[in-house]
Protein backbone atom coordinates (compact mmCIF):
# COMPACT_ATOMS: atom_id res chain seq x y z
CA UNK A 1 -27.75 13.20 -26.10
CA UNK A 2 -29.26 16.13 -24.99
CA UNK A 3 -25.98 18.69 -23.39
CA UNK A 4 -28.31 19.06 -20.14
CA UNK A 5 -26.87 15.20 -19.66
CA UNK A 6 -24.07 14.71 -21.92
CA UNK A 7 -21.98 17.58 -19.79
CA UNK A 8 -22.89 16.18 -15.81
CA UNK A 9 -22.44 12.65 -17.89
CA UNK A 10 -18.37 13.84 -19.15
CA UNK A 11 -17.55 15.36 -15.96
CA UNK A 12 -18.50 12.34 -13.47
CA UNK A 13 -17.36 9.72 -15.93
CA UNK A 14 -13.53 12.40 -15.95
CA UNK A 15 -13.48 12.37 -12.05
CA UNK A 16 -13.88 8.26 -11.91
CA UNK A 17 -11.10 7.86 -14.09
CA UNK A 18 -8.77 10.68 -13.01
CA UNK A 19 -9.59 10.30 -9.15
CA UNK A 20 -8.43 6.34 -10.03
CA UNK A 21 -5.44 7.70 -11.04
CA UNK A 22 -4.33 8.65 -7.46
CA UNK A 23 -4.32 5.18 -6.78
CA UNK A 24 -1.43 4.04 -9.70
CA UNK A 25 0.20 7.20 -8.68
CA UNK A 26 1.12 5.92 -5.20
CA UNK A 27 2.17 2.54 -6.97
CA UNK A 28 4.59 4.65 -9.03
CA UNK A 29 5.47 7.11 -5.69
CA UNK A 30 6.66 3.60 -4.22
CA UNK A 31 9.58 2.99 -6.72
CA UNK A 32 11.06 5.93 -6.13
CA UNK A 33 13.10 7.03 -2.63
CA UNK A 34 10.74 8.50 -0.68
CA UNK A 35 7.05 9.01 -1.46
CA UNK A 36 6.69 12.39 0.73
CA UNK A 37 8.99 13.44 -2.04
CA UNK A 38 6.91 13.02 -4.63
CA UNK A 39 3.99 14.30 -3.08
CA UNK A 40 6.54 17.95 -1.96
CA UNK A 41 7.34 17.94 -5.64
CA UNK A 42 3.75 17.71 -6.50
CA UNK A 43 2.44 20.27 -5.22
CA UNK A 44 4.98 22.55 -5.71
CA UNK A 45 5.16 22.02 -9.56
CA UNK A 46 1.43 22.37 -9.02
CA UNK A 47 1.57 25.93 -7.49
CA UNK A 48 3.85 27.36 -10.19
CA UNK A 49 2.53 26.03 -12.95
CA UNK A 50 -1.48 27.93 -11.69
CA UNK A 51 0.70 30.51 -10.29
CA UNK A 52 0.91 32.51 -13.39
CA UNK A 53 -2.62 32.33 -14.35
CA UNK A 54 -4.72 32.70 -11.39
CA UNK A 55 -2.10 34.86 -9.60
CA UNK A 56 -3.92 38.28 -10.12
CA UNK A 57 -7.67 36.35 -9.65
CA UNK A 58 -5.95 35.14 -6.53
CA UNK A 59 -4.80 39.05 -5.66
CA UNK A 60 -8.50 39.94 -5.81
CA UNK A 61 -9.53 37.44 -3.61
CA UNK A 62 -10.27 38.07 0.44
CA UNK A 63 -8.32 36.79 2.98
CA UNK A 64 -11.50 34.75 3.98
CA UNK A 65 -11.51 33.26 0.89
CA UNK A 66 -7.93 32.43 0.92
CA UNK A 67 -8.05 31.21 4.44
CA UNK A 68 -11.05 28.99 3.35
CA UNK A 69 -9.46 27.33 0.63
CA UNK A 70 -6.02 27.00 2.24
CA UNK A 71 -8.28 24.80 5.01
CA UNK A 72 -9.80 22.57 2.77
CA UNK A 73 -6.53 22.02 1.02
CA UNK A 74 -5.03 20.70 4.27
CA UNK A 75 -8.23 18.27 4.29
CA UNK A 76 -8.32 17.29 0.99
CA UNK A 77 -4.99 17.22 0.15
CA UNK A 78 -2.64 16.59 2.16
CA UNK A 79 -4.50 14.93 5.26
CA UNK A 80 -6.58 12.57 3.19
CA UNK A 81 -2.87 11.84 1.14
CA UNK A 82 -0.61 11.96 4.16
CA UNK A 83 -2.89 9.56 6.15
CA UNK A 84 -3.34 6.74 3.08
CA UNK A 85 0.14 6.70 2.78
CA UNK A 86 1.46 6.43 6.03
CA UNK A 87 -1.62 3.48 6.83
CA UNK A 88 0.32 1.41 4.08
CA UNK A 89 3.59 1.74 5.04
CA UNK A 90 2.25 0.62 8.12
CA UNK A 91 1.65 -2.92 6.72
CA UNK A 92 -2.53 -1.50 5.60
CA UNK A 93 -3.08 -3.64 2.95
CA UNK A 94 -3.78 -1.24 -0.39
CA UNK A 95 -7.06 -3.38 -1.15
CA UNK A 96 -8.46 -2.80 2.17
CA UNK A 97 -7.04 1.30 1.99
CA UNK A 98 -8.77 1.57 -1.07
CA UNK A 99 -11.89 -0.26 0.83
CA UNK A 100 -11.80 2.34 3.69
CA UNK A 101 -11.75 5.16 1.46
CA UNK A 102 -14.77 4.22 -0.49
CA UNK A 103 -16.67 4.58 2.79
CA UNK A 104 -16.70 7.87 2.05
CA UNK A 105 -20.06 8.35 0.50
CA UNK A 106 -21.25 6.87 3.40
CA UNK A 107 -19.90 9.17 5.93
CA UNK A 108 -20.69 11.94 3.62
CA UNK A 109 -24.80 11.11 3.37
CA UNK A 110 -24.76 10.15 7.03
CA UNK A 111 -23.31 14.12 7.51
CA UNK A 112 -24.93 15.88 5.10
CA UNK A 113 -28.51 15.71 7.25
CA UNK A 114 -26.42 17.67 10.19
CA UNK A 115 -24.05 19.91 8.57
CA UNK A 116 -25.70 20.69 5.18
CA UNK A 117 -29.45 20.95 4.28
CA UNK A 118 -29.03 18.21 2.02
CA UNK A 119 -31.98 15.41 2.11
CA UNK A 120 -30.87 11.56 1.63
CA UNK A 121 -33.77 9.51 0.79
CA UNK A 122 -33.74 5.66 0.83
CA UNK A 123 -33.10 4.78 -2.40
CA UNK A 124 -30.08 7.02 -2.17
CA UNK A 125 -29.49 5.09 0.85
CA UNK A 126 -29.43 1.31 -1.22
CA UNK A 127 -27.70 2.91 -3.50
CA UNK A 128 -24.66 3.58 -1.19
CA UNK A 129 -25.19 0.51 0.01
CA UNK A 130 -24.90 -1.98 -3.00
CA UNK A 131 -21.74 0.47 -3.71
CA UNK A 132 -20.39 -0.68 -0.61
CA UNK A 133 -20.53 -4.21 -0.99
CA UNK A 134 -19.51 -4.07 -4.41
CA UNK A 135 -16.45 -1.99 -3.03
CA UNK A 136 -15.82 -5.11 -0.28
CA UNK A 137 -16.14 -8.14 -2.29
CA UNK A 138 -12.56 -7.41 -4.49
CA UNK A 139 -11.17 -7.10 -0.92
CA UNK A 140 -12.59 -9.33 1.30
CA UNK A 141 -10.28 -11.98 0.79
CA UNK A 142 -7.18 -9.50 1.41
CA UNK A 143 -7.59 -8.87 4.60
CA UNK A 144 -4.07 -8.75 6.74
CA UNK A 145 -2.64 -8.07 9.95
CA UNK A 146 -1.06 -4.21 10.58
CA UNK A 147 -1.27 -2.30 13.22
CA UNK A 148 -3.83 -0.60 14.97
CA UNK A 149 -2.27 2.40 14.56
CA UNK A 150 -2.32 2.20 10.46
CA UNK A 151 -5.83 1.25 10.30
CA UNK A 152 -6.79 4.77 12.44
CA UNK A 153 -4.77 7.00 10.27
CA UNK A 154 -6.58 4.95 7.08
CA UNK A 155 -9.46 6.18 8.32
CA UNK A 156 -8.69 8.99 9.27
CA UNK A 157 -7.72 9.73 5.94
CA UNK A 158 -11.30 9.27 4.60
CA UNK A 159 -12.52 11.72 7.25
CA UNK A 160 -10.28 14.02 6.18
CA UNK A 161 -11.29 13.99 2.74
CA UNK A 162 -14.85 14.18 3.94
CA UNK A 163 -14.80 16.81 5.65
CA UNK A 164 -13.59 19.61 2.85
CA UNK A 165 -16.36 17.86 1.05
CA UNK A 166 -18.88 19.17 3.69
CA UNK A 167 -16.62 22.67 3.94
CA UNK A 168 -16.62 23.08 0.78
CA UNK A 169 -20.92 22.53 0.30
CA UNK A 170 -21.40 24.21 3.71
CA UNK A 171 -19.38 27.27 2.83
CA UNK A 172 -19.90 27.44 -0.59
CA UNK A 173 -18.29 30.69 -2.59
CA UNK A 174 -18.14 32.20 -6.53
CA UNK A 175 -14.53 31.28 -6.35
CA UNK A 176 -13.28 30.36 -9.13
CA UNK A 177 -11.73 26.59 -9.85
CA UNK A 178 -8.06 27.18 -10.97
CA UNK A 179 -7.32 30.51 -8.11
CA UNK A 180 -9.24 27.99 -5.42
CA UNK A 181 -6.72 24.88 -6.59
CA UNK A 182 -4.02 27.23 -6.64
CA UNK A 183 -4.60 27.89 -2.96
CA UNK A 184 -4.91 24.49 -1.84
CA UNK A 185 -1.44 23.13 -4.03
CA UNK A 186 0.10 25.83 -2.06
CA UNK A 187 -1.15 25.22 1.19
CA UNK A 188 -0.36 20.80 0.66
CA UNK A 189 3.36 22.06 -0.33
CA UNK A 190 3.82 23.96 2.61
CA UNK A 191 2.59 21.20 4.58
CA UNK A 192 4.49 18.10 2.67
CA UNK A 193 7.97 20.29 2.89
CA UNK A 194 8.48 18.99 6.55
CA UNK A 195 7.66 15.20 5.53
CA UNK A 196 9.95 15.67 2.55
CA UNK A 197 12.83 16.99 4.78
CA UNK A 198 12.24 13.95 7.17
CA UNK A 199 12.97 11.57 4.47
CA UNK A 200 16.19 13.91 3.12
CA UNK A 201 14.09 14.22 0.10
CA UNK A 202 13.80 18.08 -0.50
CA UNK A 203 16.29 17.91 -2.96
CA UNK A 204 15.93 14.28 -5.00
CA UNK A 205 17.84 12.74 -7.51
CA UNK A 206 15.80 13.53 -10.32
CA UNK A 207 15.57 9.67 -12.14
CA UNK A 208 13.39 8.52 -14.42
CA UNK A 209 10.87 6.55 -11.71
CA UNK A 210 11.28 10.40 -9.58
CA UNK A 211 10.02 12.23 -12.92
CA UNK A 212 7.81 10.20 -14.19
CA UNK A 213 5.67 9.54 -10.67
CA UNK A 214 5.27 13.80 -10.23
CA UNK A 215 4.05 13.99 -13.74
CA UNK A 216 1.81 11.49 -13.43
CA UNK A 217 0.65 13.00 -9.93
CA UNK A 218 0.51 16.75 -11.69
CA UNK A 219 -1.56 16.19 -14.73
CA UNK A 220 -3.68 13.17 -13.61
CA UNK A 221 -4.50 13.26 -9.68
CA UNK A 222 -3.78 16.84 -9.03
CA UNK A 223 -4.84 18.80 -12.21
CA UNK A 224 -7.77 16.66 -13.59
CA UNK A 225 -8.95 14.68 -10.46
CA UNK A 226 -9.42 17.63 -7.74
CA UNK A 227 -10.40 19.95 -10.56
CA UNK A 228 -13.11 17.88 -11.59
CA UNK A 229 -14.11 16.42 -8.02
CA UNK A 230 -14.78 20.98 -7.00
CA UNK A 231 -16.82 21.07 -10.68
CA UNK A 232 -18.50 18.43 -9.96
CA UNK A 233 -19.47 19.16 -6.01
CA UNK A 234 -20.09 22.78 -7.24
CA UNK A 235 -22.91 21.24 -9.87
CA UNK A 236 -24.75 19.19 -7.35
CA UNK A 237 -24.85 17.04 -3.89
CA UNK A 238 -22.49 16.04 -2.02
CA UNK A 239 -24.50 12.90 -1.75
CA UNK A 240 -23.84 12.40 -5.60
CA UNK A 241 -20.40 13.90 -5.89
CA UNK A 242 -19.16 11.56 -2.95
CA UNK A 243 -21.29 7.95 -4.56
CA UNK A 244 -18.66 8.14 -7.72
CA UNK A 245 -15.96 7.37 -5.33
CA UNK A 246 -17.65 3.69 -5.53
CA UNK A 247 -16.33 3.42 -8.56
CA UNK A 248 -12.53 4.05 -8.51
CA UNK A 249 -11.50 0.83 -6.77
CA UNK A 250 -12.17 -1.13 -10.01
CA UNK A 251 -11.27 1.43 -12.27
CA UNK A 252 -8.17 1.30 -10.75
CA UNK A 253 -7.90 -2.05 -11.35
CA UNK A 254 -8.51 -1.79 -15.05
CA UNK A 255 -5.01 0.87 -14.88
CA UNK A 256 -3.36 -1.63 -13.14
CA UNK A 257 -4.14 -4.01 -15.50
CA UNK A 258 -3.19 -2.00 -18.30
CA UNK A 259 0.11 -0.81 -16.93
CA UNK A 260 1.84 -3.54 -14.37
CA UNK A 261 -0.63 -6.61 -16.22
CA UNK A 262 -2.52 -6.99 -12.42
CA UNK A 263 -5.37 -9.51 -13.44
CA UNK A 264 -8.74 -8.57 -13.16
CA UNK A 265 -10.73 -11.43 -11.09
CA UNK A 266 -14.43 -12.67 -11.41
CA UNK A 267 -14.59 -10.68 -7.65
CA UNK A 268 -13.30 -7.22 -9.06
CA UNK A 269 -16.05 -7.56 -12.29
CA UNK A 270 -19.06 -8.42 -9.72
CA UNK A 271 -18.11 -5.86 -7.68
CA UNK A 272 -17.93 -3.45 -10.37
CA UNK A 273 -21.82 -4.27 -11.84
CA UNK A 274 -22.51 -3.94 -7.84
CA UNK A 275 -21.08 -0.40 -7.69
CA UNK A 276 -22.28 0.74 -10.37
CA UNK A 277 -25.78 -0.55 -9.63
CA UNK A 278 -25.86 1.52 -6.39
CA UNK A 279 -24.34 4.15 -8.29
CA UNK A 280 -26.87 4.79 -10.80
CA UNK A 281 -29.65 4.60 -7.13
CA UNK A 282 -27.47 6.77 -5.51
CA UNK A 283 -27.52 9.67 -8.21
CA UNK A 284 -30.81 10.19 -7.19
CA UNK A 285 -31.43 13.96 -7.03
CA UNK A 286 -31.72 16.02 -3.81
CA UNK A 287 -33.72 18.15 -1.57
CA UNK A 288 -32.97 21.79 -0.20
CA UNK A 289 -35.01 22.06 3.06
CA UNK A 290 -34.82 25.79 2.64
CA UNK A 291 -37.34 27.43 0.64
CA UNK A 292 -35.17 30.05 -1.22
CA UNK A 293 -31.50 29.79 -1.88
CA UNK A 294 -29.47 32.82 -3.05
CA UNK A 295 -28.64 33.04 -6.52
CA UNK A 296 -25.54 35.26 -8.00
CA UNK A 297 -24.44 36.40 -11.10
CA UNK A 298 -21.52 38.57 -12.09
CA UNK A 299 -21.10 42.16 -12.94
CA UNK A 300 -19.49 43.75 -15.35
CA UNK A 301 -16.96 45.25 -12.68
CA UNK A 302 -16.22 41.43 -11.20
CA UNK A 303 -18.96 41.33 -8.40
CA UNK A 304 -21.96 39.71 -7.43
CA UNK A 305 -25.58 40.37 -7.30
CA UNK A 306 -27.56 38.03 -6.18
CA UNK A 307 -31.15 37.21 -5.00
CA UNK A 308 -33.61 34.59 -3.69
CA UNK A 309 -35.37 31.64 -5.87
CA UNK A 310 -37.48 29.31 -4.51
CA UNK A 311 -35.69 25.96 -4.15
CA UNK A 312 -39.28 23.43 -3.64
CA UNK A 313 -38.30 21.73 -6.39
CA UNK A 314 -35.06 18.69 -7.37
CA UNK A 315 -32.07 20.21 -6.91
């Protein structure tokens, strides 16, 4: 397989697997005294691990760029996780919460024409719709009564990650992934601290469930999931990356089967098959409406030189 195909495919497969790990991390965190305590320590440890490797790059980063990455982290990490977990705690079933989160591709595709200059073709819309149906099939029988506020929070969580995606594409810069991830994790630490204090979990009991949940979140759900999300987003369109989210519910089912012996039903298999087909359609290349875009390269002194290149081709 040519390297030009192998690398993007590997990055996208890695994103699906890593993003799915977040739901498993939520199950692990639910076994502890406070989910917010786990999330606070998740981002605090992630920041401390990344900082020695990225502090020099961050010092050279402009205040505007630091503010941009902090804003992205506020939506993509704190907003997304805090609202989704709160929705589940208010009675929204985990399956329905996952389904609402999987609406992200449709919401992103609906916005890219207005906010970005990406064109979503008919075949992509069909693929996104099939992906949604594939996600809906496994959870249709799991709808239970929950508070209206819970559903609002679940939709707010989905909207939060969409906003982060659009900001990242609209305000795209040459900032490396690791320094950006460090800033985002630090901002999430600051925002999760009050919630951990309210839960009396700022200084948690260091038992096995807590340590296991934090390590799982840091390695898989932070470094791998968010790192691969931003790398993929920088390489291709927002619609294509968001369509991969459709594959996370069935992959999560595989995680749950391997770790918690949860059964994989026929509905999950059918839904997974539809999701894969829908993602293949949505992977169609998009085009930019602009005739030129800036192409930048880094010079020896660390600055960037940019020139315009023709974009009258597939993007």
